[in-house]
Protein backbone atom coordinates (compact mmCIF):
# COMPACT_ATOMS: atom_id res chain seq x y z
CA MET A 1 87.99 128.84 129.86
CA ASN A 2 87.26 131.61 127.43
CA GLN A 3 90.17 133.29 125.86
CA HIS A 4 90.39 137.03 126.04
CA HIS A 5 92.70 139.26 123.98
CA PRO A 6 92.50 143.03 123.12
CA ALA A 7 91.95 142.16 119.46
CA ASP A 8 88.75 140.39 120.37
CA ASP A 9 87.13 143.86 120.37
CA ALA A 10 87.61 144.07 116.64
CA TYR A 11 84.70 141.65 116.27
CA ASP A 12 82.12 143.57 118.33
CA THR A 13 80.24 144.71 115.23
CA PRO A 14 79.74 143.19 111.69
CA ASP A 15 81.32 146.30 110.03
CA ARG A 16 84.49 146.03 111.97
CA ALA A 17 84.56 142.26 111.40
CA ASP A 18 84.41 142.86 107.59
CA ALA A 19 87.27 145.35 107.81
CA ALA A 20 89.33 142.81 109.64
CA TYR A 21 88.49 140.23 107.00
CA THR A 22 89.81 142.42 104.25
CA ALA A 23 93.02 143.36 106.05
CA HIS A 24 93.94 139.75 106.92
CA ALA A 25 92.91 138.52 103.42
CA ASP A 26 95.49 140.99 101.83
CA GLU A 27 98.25 139.83 104.23
CA SER A 28 97.42 136.18 103.59
CA ASP A 29 97.60 136.57 99.85
CA ALA A 30 100.95 138.38 100.05
CA ASP A 31 102.49 135.74 102.22
CA ALA A 32 101.26 132.85 100.20
CA ASP A 33 103.02 134.27 97.10
CA ASP A 34 106.37 133.46 98.81
CA GLU A 35 105.64 129.87 99.66
CA THR A 36 106.71 126.61 98.06
CA ALA A 37 104.98 123.20 98.45
CA VAL A 38 107.33 120.30 99.22
CA ARG A 39 107.22 116.84 100.70
CA ARG A 40 109.69 116.61 103.67
CA PRO A 41 109.79 115.60 107.30
CA ALA A 42 108.15 117.92 109.86
CA GLY A 43 108.29 117.26 113.56
CA VAL A 44 105.89 117.92 116.42
CA ALA A 45 106.87 121.52 117.33
CA GLU A 46 107.30 122.68 113.65
CA SER A 47 103.89 121.24 112.79
CA VAL A 48 102.13 122.95 115.76
CA ALA A 49 103.75 126.25 114.97
CA ALA A 50 102.85 125.99 111.23
CA SER A 51 99.22 125.18 112.07
CA ARG A 52 98.95 128.01 114.50
CA HIS A 53 100.44 130.47 111.98
CA TRP A 54 98.43 129.24 109.06
CA TRP A 55 94.97 129.25 110.80
CA ASP A 56 95.62 132.59 112.40
CA ARG A 57 96.47 133.98 108.97
CA ASN A 58 93.75 132.21 106.95
CA ALA A 59 90.86 131.94 109.43
CA ASP A 60 89.05 134.97 107.90
CA ASP A 61 89.23 133.63 104.41
CA TYR A 62 88.18 130.23 105.50
CA GLN A 63 85.12 131.45 107.38
CA ARG A 64 84.22 133.76 104.51
CA GLU A 65 84.42 131.07 101.93
CA HIS A 66 82.90 128.17 103.85
CA GLY A 67 80.77 129.94 106.43
CA ASP A 68 77.51 129.51 104.56
CA PHE A 69 78.04 125.81 104.06
CA LEU A 70 79.11 125.29 107.70
CA GLY A 71 76.45 127.51 109.10
CA ASP A 72 76.69 129.29 112.51
CA ASP A 73 75.40 126.20 114.48
CA ARG A 74 75.48 123.20 112.25
CA PHE A 75 77.54 120.09 112.95
CA VAL A 76 78.99 119.02 109.54
CA TRP A 77 81.39 116.16 109.30
CA GLY A 78 82.96 116.99 105.97
CA PRO A 79 82.63 118.52 102.46
CA GLU A 80 80.04 115.88 101.42
CA GLY A 81 77.54 117.57 103.85
CA LEU A 82 76.84 114.67 106.21
CA ASP A 83 75.73 116.26 109.50
CA GLU A 84 75.40 114.91 113.00
CA GLU A 85 71.72 115.61 112.96
CA ARG A 86 71.27 112.90 110.44
CA ALA A 87 74.29 110.61 111.22
CA GLY A 88 73.96 110.38 115.04
CA LEU A 89 77.54 109.19 115.41
CA LEU A 90 77.84 110.66 118.86
CA GLY A 91 74.68 108.82 119.81
CA PRO A 92 71.06 109.89 119.88
CA ALA A 93 70.61 113.71 120.02
CA ALA A 94 68.14 113.36 122.91
CA GLY A 95 70.92 111.85 124.94
CA LEU A 96 73.34 114.83 124.61
CA ALA A 97 71.65 116.99 127.27
CA GLY A 98 73.98 117.45 130.20
CA GLN A 99 76.91 115.73 128.53
CA ARG A 100 80.35 117.27 128.66
CA VAL A 101 81.69 117.24 125.16
CA LEU A 102 85.21 118.12 124.01
CA GLU A 103 85.61 119.44 120.40
CA ILE A 104 89.22 119.31 119.17
CA GLY A 105 90.18 121.69 116.37
CA ALA A 106 86.94 123.49 116.74
CA GLY A 107 87.60 126.48 114.46
CA ALA A 108 84.68 128.85 114.93
CA ALA A 109 82.97 126.31 117.16
CA GLN A 110 79.94 125.64 114.78
CA CYS A 111 79.78 122.01 115.98
CA SER A 112 79.93 123.01 119.56
CA ARG A 113 77.20 125.53 119.06
CA TRP A 114 75.02 122.76 117.67
CA LEU A 115 75.82 120.53 120.76
CA ALA A 116 75.01 123.38 123.19
CA ALA A 117 71.63 123.92 121.48
CA ARG A 118 70.83 120.33 122.45
CA GLY A 119 71.71 120.79 126.05
CA ALA A 120 75.28 119.49 126.01
CA ARG A 121 78.16 121.37 127.79
CA PRO A 122 80.86 121.65 125.20
CA VAL A 123 84.39 122.86 125.36
CA ALA A 124 85.74 123.98 122.02
CA VAL A 125 89.55 123.80 121.65
CA ASP A 126 91.63 125.22 118.87
CA VAL A 127 95.33 126.05 118.46
CA SER A 128 94.41 129.23 116.59
CA HIS A 129 93.48 132.44 118.34
CA ARG A 130 91.97 133.85 115.22
CA GLN A 131 89.61 130.90 114.74
CA LEU A 132 88.39 131.34 118.36
CA GLN A 133 87.86 135.02 117.60
CA HIS A 134 85.38 133.96 114.96
CA ALA A 135 83.69 131.75 117.53
CA ARG A 136 83.25 134.80 119.77
CA ARG A 137 81.97 136.79 116.68
CA LEU A 138 79.34 134.19 115.91
CA GLY A 139 78.42 134.05 119.68
CA ALA A 140 79.70 131.47 122.07
CA GLY A 141 76.66 131.19 124.35
CA GLY A 142 76.90 127.87 126.14
CA VAL A 143 80.31 127.08 124.69
CA THR A 144 83.64 127.36 126.62
CA LEU A 145 86.43 128.32 124.28
CA LEU A 146 90.05 127.24 124.91
CA GLN A 147 93.17 127.92 123.00
CA ALA A 148 95.37 124.92 123.39
CA ASP A 149 97.55 122.39 121.52
CA ALA A 150 95.54 119.16 121.03
CA GLY A 151 98.59 117.14 122.04
CA ARG A 152 98.82 118.91 125.43
CA LEU A 153 95.34 119.48 126.75
CA PRO A 154 95.16 121.50 129.91
CA LEU A 155 92.07 119.52 131.08
CA ALA A 156 91.40 117.15 133.94
CA ASP A 157 91.54 113.33 133.64
CA ALA A 158 88.13 111.65 132.90
CA SER A 159 86.26 114.95 132.73
CA PHE A 160 84.32 114.49 129.47
CA ASP A 161 81.61 112.09 128.28
CA LEU A 162 82.26 112.56 124.57
CA ALA A 163 84.87 113.98 122.21
CA CYS A 164 84.67 114.94 118.58
CA SER A 165 86.56 116.61 115.74
CA ALA A 166 85.39 117.49 112.27
CA TYR A 167 88.52 117.81 110.14
CA GLY A 168 90.29 119.41 113.12
CA ALA A 169 93.84 118.94 114.50
CA VAL A 170 94.41 115.29 113.60
CA PRO A 171 95.68 115.75 110.02
CA PHE A 172 97.94 118.59 111.03
CA VAL A 173 99.92 116.98 113.90
CA ALA A 174 103.06 114.95 113.65
CA ASP A 175 102.13 112.69 116.50
CA ALA A 176 98.41 111.85 116.22
CA GLU A 177 98.76 109.07 118.70
CA GLN A 178 99.71 111.56 121.36
CA VAL A 179 96.57 113.51 120.60
CA PHE A 180 94.53 110.26 120.80
CA ARG A 181 96.16 109.54 124.19
CA GLU A 182 95.27 113.00 125.42
CA VAL A 183 91.70 112.52 124.29
CA ARG A 184 91.56 109.13 126.00
CA ARG A 185 92.93 110.61 129.23
CA VAL A 186 90.20 113.31 129.47
CA LEU A 187 87.39 110.91 128.51
CA ARG A 188 85.56 108.78 130.92
CA PRO A 189 85.57 105.06 130.21
CA GLY A 190 82.90 104.17 127.63
CA GLY A 191 82.97 107.69 126.14
CA ARG A 192 82.89 108.01 122.40
CA TRP A 193 85.71 109.72 120.35
CA VAL A 194 84.47 110.52 116.76
CA PHE A 195 86.59 112.42 114.28
CA SER A 196 86.74 113.02 110.54
CA LEU A 197 89.64 113.73 108.19
CA THR A 198 90.54 113.40 104.52
CA HIS A 199 90.20 109.92 103.44
CA PRO A 200 93.75 108.49 103.23
CA ILE A 201 93.23 107.19 99.69
CA ARG A 202 93.13 110.88 98.54
CA TRP A 203 96.89 111.17 99.24
CA ALA A 204 97.57 108.98 96.20
CA LEU A 205 95.67 111.30 93.87
CA PRO A 206 96.22 114.92 92.76
CA ASP A 207 94.25 117.35 94.86
CA GLU A 208 92.13 118.45 91.99
CA PRO A 209 88.32 118.46 91.73
CA GLY A 210 88.24 117.53 87.99
CA PRO A 211 89.15 114.41 85.94
CA GLU A 212 92.86 115.05 86.65
CA GLY A 213 92.12 114.15 90.28
CA LEU A 214 91.14 110.63 89.40
CA THR A 215 94.55 109.38 88.35
CA VAL A 216 96.94 107.84 90.85
CA ALA A 217 100.06 110.08 91.00
CA ALA A 218 101.80 109.06 94.26
CA SER A 219 102.13 106.14 96.63
CA TYR A 220 99.39 105.59 99.16
CA PHE A 221 102.17 104.31 101.46
CA ASP A 222 104.34 107.45 101.26
CA ARG A 223 103.87 109.03 104.72
CA THR A 224 106.12 112.02 104.03
CA PRO A 225 104.34 115.20 105.21
CA TYR A 226 103.12 117.83 102.80
CA VAL A 227 104.69 121.17 103.68
CA GLU A 228 104.29 124.68 102.38
CA GLN A 229 107.41 126.57 103.34
CA ASP A 230 108.67 130.17 103.00
CA GLU A 231 111.96 131.23 101.37
CA SER A 232 113.93 130.49 104.50
CA GLY A 233 112.60 126.92 104.67
CA ARG A 234 110.31 127.67 107.60
CA ALA A 235 107.04 125.56 107.47
CA ARG A 236 103.94 127.71 107.07
CA TYR A 237 101.48 124.81 106.60
CA VAL A 238 101.92 121.12 107.41
CA GLU A 239 99.65 118.14 106.79
CA HIS A 240 100.39 114.56 107.74
CA HIS A 241 99.31 111.42 106.01
CA ARG A 242 98.67 108.00 107.57
CA THR A 243 97.06 104.94 106.07
CA LEU A 244 93.77 103.57 107.37
CA GLY A 245 95.73 100.75 109.07
CA ASP A 246 98.07 103.31 110.67
CA ARG A 247 95.10 105.17 112.18
CA VAL A 248 93.52 102.02 113.62
CA ARG A 249 96.83 101.01 115.22
CA GLU A 250 97.33 104.53 116.69
CA LEU A 251 93.75 104.40 118.12
CA THR A 252 94.23 100.89 119.56
CA ARG A 253 97.59 101.83 121.21
CA ALA A 254 95.94 104.89 122.72
CA GLY A 255 93.18 102.81 124.38
CA PHE A 256 90.32 103.13 121.93
CA ARG A 257 88.26 100.46 120.22
CA LEU A 258 86.99 101.19 116.73
CA LEU A 259 83.20 100.81 116.48
CA ASP A 260 82.73 102.05 112.86
CA LEU A 261 84.49 103.69 109.93
CA VAL A 262 82.10 105.83 107.90
CA GLU A 263 82.90 106.82 104.31
CA PRO A 264 80.11 109.25 103.36
CA GLU A 265 78.84 109.05 99.81
CA TRP A 266 78.43 112.30 97.85
CA PRO A 267 74.75 113.24 97.93
CA GLU A 268 72.75 114.39 94.87
CA TRP A 269 71.88 117.77 96.42
CA ASN A 270 75.51 118.82 96.96
CA HIS A 271 76.76 120.62 93.83
CA GLN A 272 79.63 122.59 95.47
CA GLU A 273 83.38 122.08 95.04
CA TRP A 274 85.59 122.45 98.07
CA GLY A 275 89.23 122.32 97.16
CA GLY A 276 89.81 118.81 95.78
CA TRP A 277 86.34 117.65 96.83
CA SER A 278 83.73 117.76 94.14
CA PRO A 279 80.58 115.91 92.91
CA LEU A 280 82.63 114.20 90.10
CA ARG A 281 85.30 112.71 92.55
CA GLY A 282 82.91 112.21 95.45
CA ARG A 283 80.61 109.87 93.47
CA LEU A 284 83.61 107.67 92.52
CA ILE A 285 85.99 107.56 95.38
CA PRO A 286 85.62 108.49 99.18
CA GLY A 287 86.78 111.86 100.35
CA THR A 288 86.18 111.67 104.04
CA ALA A 289 86.78 109.04 106.64
CA ILE A 290 84.99 109.19 110.02
CA PHE A 291 86.32 107.12 112.80
CA VAL A 292 83.81 106.17 115.53
CA CYS A 293 85.62 104.89 118.57
CA VAL A 294 84.95 104.12 122.27
CA ALA A 295 87.32 104.56 125.21
CA ASP A 296 87.95 101.20 126.73
CA ALA A 297 88.20 100.91 130.44
CA PRO A 298 91.89 100.63 131.52
CA ALA A 299 93.03 96.97 132.14
CA ALA A 300 93.73 96.12 135.73
CA GLY A 301 97.02 97.48 136.92
CA ARG A 302 97.18 100.06 134.11
CA GLY A 303 96.12 103.11 136.09
């Protein structure tokens, strides 16, 4: 279902959208000055609250900075620029028509818009109201927008043919297995679940695009969350690390079978830097991991 809020009206015209961009950018910069980065535990509720707050506060800056690269209706799997048009990880594009597709952590729903243009019936879910406002601003024709926590999807069992997420939700939740179980619940048996996130090896390296980002500085096996917190200790941003093996086990326990693990190489045409992603690092070590999974049919007696 489409979310409505009085503030949606602020995005009716480009001029008013630009004014909102500026106001929220100023607020974001002021808040960020008071935050400290630490490694500490962060539970489910704290992580969800931090993600909602961070993305509501930073959605304007994010869409302004990365909007051209992401496009309005392009399905990009990560900073390397691999797109679904070329990769076909959800299956042949010709087979998307009529398919019900769930996008988790959809942001401004660029991927869902690409799917809708190919005849799919996507539902774009995000925890951030502000991100979904951007989806409305770009035009949500053919896309249903839903504000929800990925770990508690208000959707019917076995109601989707496919599910996807491009850097959405999974890295920001404390219990990714619960998210996977929810995705499995709403998928029909045989449906694909494809998602991308920061390649786990990157957690052992400084988050820098230059040569300093090529030296191991931390343990790959340290699963302590990265937290940005305010002066009172309240989390404002949380990101969770799991090893590749952790992710495979989470998926298996949730009822998925891994079909492929894609590690996109950095292409020659891509000269941009995106945070810690860069041509220098991307040509030496993977920056993105894309998990291609299928929902196995429940075993007899398992419901």
